[in-house]
Protein backbone atom coordinates (compact mmCIF):
# COMPACT_ATOMS: atom_id res chain seq x y z
CA MET A 1 24.14 -10.13 11.42
CA ARG A 2 27.59 -9.64 12.98
CA GLY A 3 28.67 -12.47 15.22
CA LEU A 4 26.20 -14.88 13.60
CA THR A 5 28.69 -16.65 11.36
CA ALA A 6 26.68 -19.82 11.32
CA GLY A 7 23.63 -17.89 10.15
CA ARG A 8 25.36 -16.22 7.21
CA PRO A 9 24.36 -18.92 4.66
CA TRP A 10 20.75 -18.38 5.69
CA CYS A 11 21.13 -14.66 4.94
CA VAL A 12 22.43 -15.39 1.46
CA ALA A 13 19.71 -17.96 0.83
CA ALA A 14 17.08 -15.49 1.99
CA LEU A 15 18.32 -12.79 -0.35
CA MET A 16 18.41 -15.24 -3.26
CA ALA A 17 14.76 -15.99 -2.66
CA LEU A 18 13.53 -12.48 -1.87
CA VAL A 19 12.22 -11.67 -5.31
CA SER A 20 11.70 -15.22 -6.52
CA GLY A 21 8.64 -16.06 -4.43
CA MET A 22 10.29 -18.96 -2.62
CA VAL A 23 9.91 -17.79 0.97
CA GLY A 24 7.33 -16.27 3.26
CA VAL A 25 7.26 -12.84 4.81
CA CYS A 26 7.86 -11.88 8.41
CA GLU A 27 5.32 -9.24 9.40
CA ALA A 28 5.84 -6.70 12.13
CA PRO A 29 3.38 -6.52 15.01
CA GLY A 30 0.38 -4.52 13.91
CA ALA A 31 1.25 -4.91 10.23
CA GLY A 32 -2.42 -5.42 9.43
CA GLN A 33 -3.14 -1.90 10.65
CA ALA A 34 -2.48 1.43 8.94
CA GLN A 35 1.27 1.88 8.63
CA ALA A 36 3.27 4.76 10.00
CA ALA A 37 6.56 5.70 8.37
CA ARG A 38 8.47 3.13 10.40
CA LEU A 39 8.53 -0.66 10.14
CA GLU A 40 10.87 -3.00 12.02
CA GLY A 41 12.94 -0.01 13.09
CA GLN A 42 13.41 1.19 9.49
CA HIS A 43 12.42 4.84 9.10
CA PHE A 44 10.91 6.11 5.85
CA GLU A 45 10.25 9.81 5.30
CA ASP A 46 6.62 10.73 4.70
CA THR A 47 7.65 12.65 1.56
CA VAL A 48 10.65 12.79 -0.77
CA VAL A 49 11.52 14.89 -3.80
CA VAL A 50 12.27 13.05 -7.04
CA GLY A 51 12.84 15.12 -10.14
CA ASP A 52 10.67 18.19 -9.65
CA ARG A 53 7.90 16.44 -7.71
CA THR A 54 7.20 15.87 -4.05
CA LEU A 55 6.15 12.24 -3.60
CA GLN A 56 4.26 10.62 -0.74
CA LEU A 57 4.91 7.28 0.91
CA ASN A 58 2.29 4.80 -0.30
CA GLY A 59 3.06 1.94 2.10
CA LEU A 60 5.72 -0.31 3.63
CA GLY A 61 6.28 -4.07 3.51
CA LEU A 62 8.77 -6.41 5.19
CA ARG A 63 10.51 -9.27 3.41
CA GLY A 64 12.24 -12.07 5.26
CA VAL A 65 12.49 -15.78 5.99
CA ALA A 66 12.14 -17.45 9.38
CA TRP A 67 13.81 -15.12 11.93
CA ILE A 68 15.94 -13.39 9.29
CA LYS A 69 14.58 -10.03 8.18
CA ALA A 70 15.91 -9.11 4.75
CA PHE A 71 14.59 -5.68 3.87
CA VAL A 72 11.74 -3.22 4.22
CA ALA A 73 10.39 -1.91 0.92
CA GLY A 74 8.57 1.37 0.41
CA LEU A 75 6.93 2.98 -2.61
CA TYR A 76 6.70 6.74 -3.17
CA VAL A 77 4.20 8.20 -5.64
CA ALA A 78 2.45 11.50 -6.34
CA ALA A 79 -0.97 10.28 -5.15
CA PRO A 80 -1.14 7.28 -2.77
CA SER A 81 -3.48 4.49 -3.84
CA ARG A 82 -4.43 0.91 -3.01
CA ASP A 83 -4.83 0.04 -6.71
CA PRO A 84 -1.65 -1.45 -8.25
CA GLY A 85 -2.87 -0.82 -11.78
CA GLN A 86 -3.45 2.82 -11.00
CA LEU A 87 -0.02 3.15 -9.42
CA MET A 88 1.80 1.58 -12.35
CA ALA A 89 -0.13 3.71 -14.85
CA MET A 90 0.41 6.90 -12.85
CA GLN A 91 2.37 9.54 -14.73
CA GLY A 92 5.37 11.31 -13.26
CA PRO A 93 8.26 10.42 -10.95
CA LYS A 94 8.23 7.45 -8.56
CA ARG A 95 10.64 5.93 -6.07
CA LEU A 96 11.06 2.32 -4.98
CA ARG A 97 13.17 2.13 -1.82
CA LEU A 98 14.69 -0.92 -0.09
CA LYS A 99 16.29 -0.64 3.35
CA LEU A 100 18.47 -3.68 3.90
CA MET A 101 18.52 -5.58 7.17
CA LEU A 102 21.24 -8.12 6.38
CA GLU A 103 24.60 -8.42 4.63
CA ALA A 104 24.80 -10.41 1.39
CA PRO A 105 26.38 -10.36 -2.11
CA SER A 106 24.64 -7.98 -4.51
CA LYS A 107 24.78 -10.63 -7.25
CA GLU A 108 22.18 -12.64 -5.36
CA LEU A 109 19.84 -9.65 -5.47
CA SER A 110 20.36 -9.17 -9.21
CA LYS A 111 19.60 -12.85 -9.84
CA ALA A 112 16.39 -12.58 -7.84
CA ILE A 113 15.35 -9.41 -9.69
CA SER A 114 15.93 -11.09 -13.04
CA LYS A 115 13.79 -14.04 -11.97
CA GLY A 116 11.06 -11.71 -10.74
CA VAL A 117 10.90 -9.95 -14.11
CA ARG A 118 10.63 -13.30 -15.90
CA ARG A 119 7.72 -14.25 -13.62
CA ASN A 120 5.79 -11.09 -14.45
CA GLU A 121 6.54 -10.30 -18.10
CA SER A 122 5.77 -12.11 -21.36
CA PRO A 123 8.64 -13.39 -23.54
CA ALA A 124 7.98 -10.54 -25.97
CA VAL A 125 8.33 -7.89 -23.26
CA GLN A 126 11.39 -9.64 -21.83
CA SER A 127 12.98 -9.43 -25.27
CA GLN A 128 12.29 -5.69 -25.42
CA LEU A 129 13.83 -5.24 -21.98
CA SER A 130 16.80 -7.58 -22.39
CA GLU A 131 19.54 -5.03 -23.11
CA ARG A 132 18.34 -2.67 -20.39
CA MET A 133 17.98 -5.52 -17.90
CA ALA A 134 21.56 -6.56 -18.66
CA LEU A 135 22.67 -2.98 -17.96
CA PHE A 136 20.75 -2.85 -14.69
CA VAL A 137 22.00 -6.26 -13.57
CA GLY A 138 25.55 -5.04 -14.20
CA LEU A 139 24.91 -1.99 -11.99
CA VAL A 140 23.54 -4.13 -9.16
CA ASP A 141 26.36 -6.66 -9.47
CA GLY A 142 28.86 -3.82 -9.22
CA LEU A 143 27.59 -2.89 -5.76
CA GLY A 144 29.59 -5.75 -4.26
CA THR A 145 28.56 -6.65 -0.74
CA LEU A 146 25.26 -5.17 0.40
CA LYS A 147 25.53 -4.00 4.00
CA GLN A 148 23.00 -3.99 6.78
CA GLY A 149 21.62 -0.45 6.85
CA ASP A 150 22.12 0.26 3.14
CA ALA A 151 19.32 2.10 1.34
CA LEU A 152 18.80 1.20 -2.31
CA ASP A 153 16.57 3.50 -4.35
CA LEU A 154 15.30 3.17 -7.88
CA ASP A 155 14.05 6.61 -8.93
CA PHE A 156 12.04 6.98 -12.12
CA VAL A 157 11.84 10.39 -13.81
CA PRO A 158 10.04 10.69 -17.17
CA GLY A 159 12.43 11.56 -19.98
CA VAL A 160 15.41 10.56 -17.83
CA GLY A 161 14.84 6.95 -16.85
CA ALA A 162 15.32 4.84 -13.73
CA GLN A 163 18.32 5.84 -11.62
CA LEU A 164 19.79 3.37 -9.12
CA LEU A 165 21.13 4.96 -5.93
CA ARG A 166 22.96 3.49 -2.98
CA ASN A 167 22.69 5.53 0.20
CA GLY A 168 21.72 8.55 -1.88
CA LYS A 169 24.62 8.31 -4.34
CA PRO A 170 23.87 7.54 -8.04
CA VAL A 171 25.16 4.23 -9.38
CA GLY A 172 25.91 4.40 -13.10
CA ALA A 173 23.62 6.04 -15.65
CA PRO A 174 19.79 5.91 -15.62
CA VAL A 175 18.14 3.00 -17.40
CA GLU A 176 15.77 4.32 -20.04
CA GLY A 177 12.06 3.66 -20.29
CA GLU A 178 9.00 3.67 -18.08
CA ASP A 179 8.40 0.07 -19.20
CA PHE A 180 11.65 -0.91 -17.50
CA PHE A 181 10.70 0.72 -14.20
CA ARG A 182 7.24 -0.83 -14.40
CA ALA A 183 8.79 -4.29 -14.89
CA ILE A 184 10.79 -3.87 -11.68
CA LEU A 185 7.77 -2.53 -9.80
CA LYS A 186 5.66 -5.52 -10.89
CA ILE A 187 7.95 -7.77 -8.87
CA PHE A 188 6.55 -6.10 -5.76
CA ILE A 189 2.97 -5.05 -6.64
CA GLY A 190 2.16 -6.81 -9.94
CA ASP A 191 -0.17 -9.73 -10.62
CA ARG A 192 2.55 -12.21 -9.62
CA PRO A 193 4.32 -10.44 -6.75
CA VAL A 194 7.14 -11.94 -4.80
CA ASP A 195 4.81 -12.15 -1.81
CA GLN A 196 1.17 -11.15 -1.45
CA ARG A 197 1.58 -9.77 2.06
CA LEU A 198 4.55 -7.65 1.03
CA LYS A 199 2.42 -6.32 -1.82
CA GLU A 200 -0.44 -5.53 0.54
CA GLY A 201 1.88 -3.56 2.80
CA MET A 202 3.20 -1.47 -0.07
CA LEU A 203 -0.35 -0.85 -1.31
CA ARG A 204 -1.73 0.26 1.99
CA GLY A 205 -2.48 3.71 0.54
CA ARG A 206 -1.66 6.13 3.35
CA SER A 207 -4.46 8.48 2.30
CA ALA A 208 -7.08 5.74 2.51
CA PRO A 209 -9.09 5.16 5.70
């Protein structure tokens, strides 16, 4: 977004709304077709290794508002599927990856994530997650300014927790609990996702016809 000073407030507003369900999605040409490992110029490897498992890319989705493209999100799992319930119940490591396409304060992302969890979880579950959410929000806030081209990963490994990474480098300690990772994942593929079309892209199930 360099050189677009006047557009910068729109970038911040877009990021604030990314996970809150307030804006629409910009889809790439051909987004209704089977996805390759590239969307809007953002490359995602077909496979990655998390923990001791090789994971496969399940699908890609674009999030943006108007002409501003915010990020491409990808989900890596052991066995690609179109069923969100199956994916969230699946045992073993998983990776949620965001590739950012704009520059904005990380605090806006943490606010949107917090709102997304509140949309998808009951008050009782939110209470169980509160201390861990506060820890995670602190990690995201500590990232400072998110840059165009940054890759943010949230890797879940059973017995270890959910590790936040920025451009492949760990940020803080893992956040414990599969329930925590599932709460974050619900923002994207749960019953009340941030955007239905983004969800559909991430659930494309690369192994499906």
